[in-house]
Amino acid sequence: MNFRPLHDRVLVRRVEAEEKTAGGIIIPDTAKEKPQEGEVVSVGTGTRGEDGNVTPLDVKAGDKILFGKWSGTEVKLDGEDLLIMKESDILGIVG
């Protein structure tokens, strides 16, 4: 994939949601919500401060993350649905 986000932006691939609940109930496609968990595909160079120094991002490619329900912009690259979001939209890194 020939795409690199700029500055403090991150390219994320959503992790697929579970097909069943913990109790074994199968969830139909129409009732599923979009997952709020994803994997970082690519990151930008970082934010540039007022003094001109670049501060690198805290996340890196391959990190599993949680993000807000309405975070990011959905894009389709190479036939794959991905999200572009700012690092500030990321709630945390999943251990």
C-alpha atoms as a PDB file:
ATOM      1  CA  MET A   1       0.000   0.000   0.000  1.00  0.00           C
ATOM      2  CA  ASN A   2       1.444   3.339  -1.046  1.00  0.00           C
ATOM      3  CA  PHE A   3      -0.175   5.609   1.519  1.00  0.00           C
ATOM      4  CA  ARG A   4       1.431   7.488   4.392  1.00  0.00           C
ATOM      5  CA  PRO A   5      -0.642   9.739   6.680  1.00  0.00           C
ATOM      6  CA  LEU A   6       0.591  13.259   7.273  1.00  0.00           C
ATOM      7  CA  HIS A   7       1.586  14.858  10.581  1.00  0.00           C
ATOM      8  CA  ASP A   8      -0.417  13.464  13.551  1.00  0.00           C
ATOM      9  CA  ARG A   9      -2.752  11.268  11.496  1.00  0.00           C
ATOM     10  CA  VAL A  10      -2.991   7.475  11.758  1.00  0.00           C
ATOM     11  CA  LEU A  11      -4.280   4.876   9.271  1.00  0.00           C
ATOM     12  CA  VAL A  12      -6.310   2.156  11.062  1.00  0.00           C
ATOM     13  CA  ARG A  13      -7.807  -1.193  10.024  1.00  0.00           C
ATOM     14  CA  ARG A  14     -10.886  -2.153  12.050  1.00  0.00           C
ATOM     15  CA  VAL A  15     -10.773  -5.479  13.891  1.00  0.00           C
ATOM     16  CA  GLU A  16     -13.770  -7.635  12.984  1.00  0.00           C
ATOM     17  CA  ALA A  17     -16.523  -7.866  15.601  1.00  0.00           C
ATOM     18  CA  GLU A  18     -17.438 -11.135  17.284  1.00  0.00           C
ATOM     19  CA  GLU A  19     -20.147 -13.233  15.647  1.00  0.00           C
ATOM     20  CA  LYS A  20     -21.484 -14.485  19.013  1.00  0.00           C
ATOM     21  CA  THR A  21     -22.054 -13.015  22.439  1.00  0.00           C
ATOM     22  CA  ALA A  22     -20.418 -14.502  25.538  1.00  0.00           C
ATOM     23  CA  GLY A  23     -23.646 -16.468  26.143  1.00  0.00           C
ATOM     24  CA  GLY A  24     -23.524 -18.051  22.669  1.00  0.00           C
ATOM     25  CA  ILE A  25     -26.190 -15.914  20.966  1.00  0.00           C
ATOM     26  CA  ILE A  26     -25.385 -15.334  17.287  1.00  0.00           C
ATOM     27  CA  ILE A  27     -25.581 -11.664  16.298  1.00  0.00           C
ATOM     28  CA  PRO A  28     -27.025 -10.986  12.812  1.00  0.00           C
ATOM     29  CA  ASP A  29     -25.191  -8.554  10.509  1.00  0.00           C
ATOM     30  CA  THR A  30     -28.006  -6.011  10.743  1.00  0.00           C
ATOM     31  CA  ALA A  31     -27.686  -5.748  14.532  1.00  0.00           C
ATOM     32  CA  LYS A  32     -23.890  -5.466  14.684  1.00  0.00           C
ATOM     33  CA  GLU A  33     -22.244  -2.194  15.551  1.00  0.00           C
ATOM     34  CA  LYS A  34     -18.989  -1.190  13.952  1.00  0.00           C
ATOM     35  CA  PRO A  35     -16.098  -2.231  16.183  1.00  0.00           C
ATOM     36  CA  GLN A  36     -14.218   0.411  18.125  1.00  0.00           C
ATOM     37  CA  GLU A  37     -11.011  -1.581  18.086  1.00  0.00           C
ATOM     38  CA  GLY A  38      -8.435  -1.574  15.335  1.00  0.00           C
ATOM     39  CA  GLU A  39      -4.871  -2.133  14.260  1.00  0.00           C
ATOM     40  CA  VAL A  40      -2.586   0.723  13.244  1.00  0.00           C
ATOM     41  CA  VAL A  41      -1.459   0.261   9.638  1.00  0.00           C
ATOM     42  CA  SER A  42       0.613   3.415   9.184  1.00  0.00           C
ATOM     43  CA  VAL A  43       1.422   6.612  11.104  1.00  0.00           C
ATOM     44  CA  GLY A  44       2.464  10.134  10.177  1.00  0.00           C
ATOM     45  CA  THR A  45       5.711  11.806  11.150  1.00  0.00           C
ATOM     46  CA  GLY A  46       4.314  13.586  14.220  1.00  0.00           C
ATOM     47  CA  THR A  47       3.174  17.008  15.337  1.00  0.00           C
ATOM     48  CA  ARG A  48       5.268  20.109  14.777  1.00  0.00           C
ATOM     49  CA  GLY A  49       5.506  22.408  17.770  1.00  0.00           C
ATOM     50  CA  GLU A  50       5.684  26.196  17.698  1.00  0.00           C
ATOM     51  CA  ASP A  51       9.470  25.977  18.047  1.00  0.00           C
ATOM     52  CA  GLY A  52       9.661  23.868  14.862  1.00  0.00           C
ATOM     53  CA  ASN A  53      10.576  20.575  16.534  1.00  0.00           C
ATOM     54  CA  VAL A  54       8.678  17.445  15.474  1.00  0.00           C
ATOM     55  CA  THR A  55       7.210  15.338  18.314  1.00  0.00           C
ATOM     56  CA  PRO A  56       6.800  11.704  17.180  1.00  0.00           C
ATOM     57  CA  LEU A  57       3.508   9.875  17.769  1.00  0.00           C
ATOM     58  CA  ASP A  58       2.996   7.486  20.692  1.00  0.00           C
ATOM     59  CA  VAL A  59       1.489   4.770  18.472  1.00  0.00           C
ATOM     60  CA  LYS A  60       3.298   2.752  15.811  1.00  0.00           C
ATOM     61  CA  ALA A  61       2.292   0.405  13.012  1.00  0.00           C
ATOM     62  CA  GLY A  62       1.002  -2.895  14.397  1.00  0.00           C
ATOM     63  CA  ASP A  63      -0.402  -1.476  17.674  1.00  0.00           C
ATOM     64  CA  LYS A  64      -3.916  -2.600  18.686  1.00  0.00           C
ATOM     65  CA  ILE A  65      -5.936   0.450  19.678  1.00  0.00           C
ATOM     66  CA  LEU A  66      -9.345   1.563  20.948  1.00  0.00           C
ATOM     67  CA  PHE A  67     -10.966   4.635  19.435  1.00  0.00           C
ATOM     68  CA  GLY A  68     -14.173   6.618  19.807  1.00  0.00           C
ATOM     69  CA  LYS A  69     -17.380   5.493  18.116  1.00  0.00           C
ATOM     70  CA  TRP A  70     -17.499   8.444  15.689  1.00  0.00           C
ATOM     71  CA  SER A  71     -13.741   8.861  15.239  1.00  0.00           C
ATOM     72  CA  GLY A  72     -11.974   9.103  11.934  1.00  0.00           C
ATOM     73  CA  THR A  73     -12.854   9.296   8.269  1.00  0.00           C
ATOM     74  CA  GLU A  74     -13.642   6.107   6.387  1.00  0.00           C
ATOM     75  CA  VAL A  75     -11.636   5.573   3.192  1.00  0.00           C
ATOM     76  CA  LYS A  76     -11.233   2.699   0.751  1.00  0.00           C
ATOM     77  CA  LEU A  77      -7.634   1.943  -0.279  1.00  0.00           C
ATOM     78  CA  ASP A  78      -6.697  -1.039  -2.446  1.00  0.00           C
ATOM     79  CA  GLY A  79     -10.232  -2.413  -1.970  1.00  0.00           C
ATOM     80  CA  GLU A  80      -9.935  -2.369   1.831  1.00  0.00           C
ATOM     81  CA  ASP A  81     -12.046  -0.231   4.190  1.00  0.00           C
ATOM     82  CA  LEU A  82      -9.767   1.781   6.494  1.00  0.00           C
ATOM     83  CA  LEU A  83      -9.997   4.780   8.824  1.00  0.00           C
ATOM     84  CA  ILE A  84      -7.850   7.895   8.943  1.00  0.00           C
ATOM     85  CA  MET A  85      -7.904   9.639  12.310  1.00  0.00           C
ATOM     86  CA  LYS A  86      -5.866  12.001  14.423  1.00  0.00           C
ATOM     87  CA  GLU A  87      -3.792  10.528  17.219  1.00  0.00           C
ATOM     88  CA  SER A  88      -5.933  12.488  19.693  1.00  0.00           C
ATOM     89  CA  ASP A  89      -8.975  10.376  18.622  1.00  0.00           C
ATOM     90  CA  ILE A  90      -7.261   7.233  19.932  1.00  0.00           C
ATOM     91  CA  LEU A  91      -8.408   6.336  23.443  1.00  0.00           C
ATOM     92  CA  GLY A  92      -5.628   3.872  24.243  1.00  0.00           C
ATOM     93  CA  ILE A  93      -3.379   1.012  23.195  1.00  0.00           C
ATOM     94  CA  VAL A  94      -4.570  -2.513  23.998  1.00  0.00           C
ATOM     95  CA  GLY A  95      -1.782  -4.466  25.736  1.00  0.00           C
END
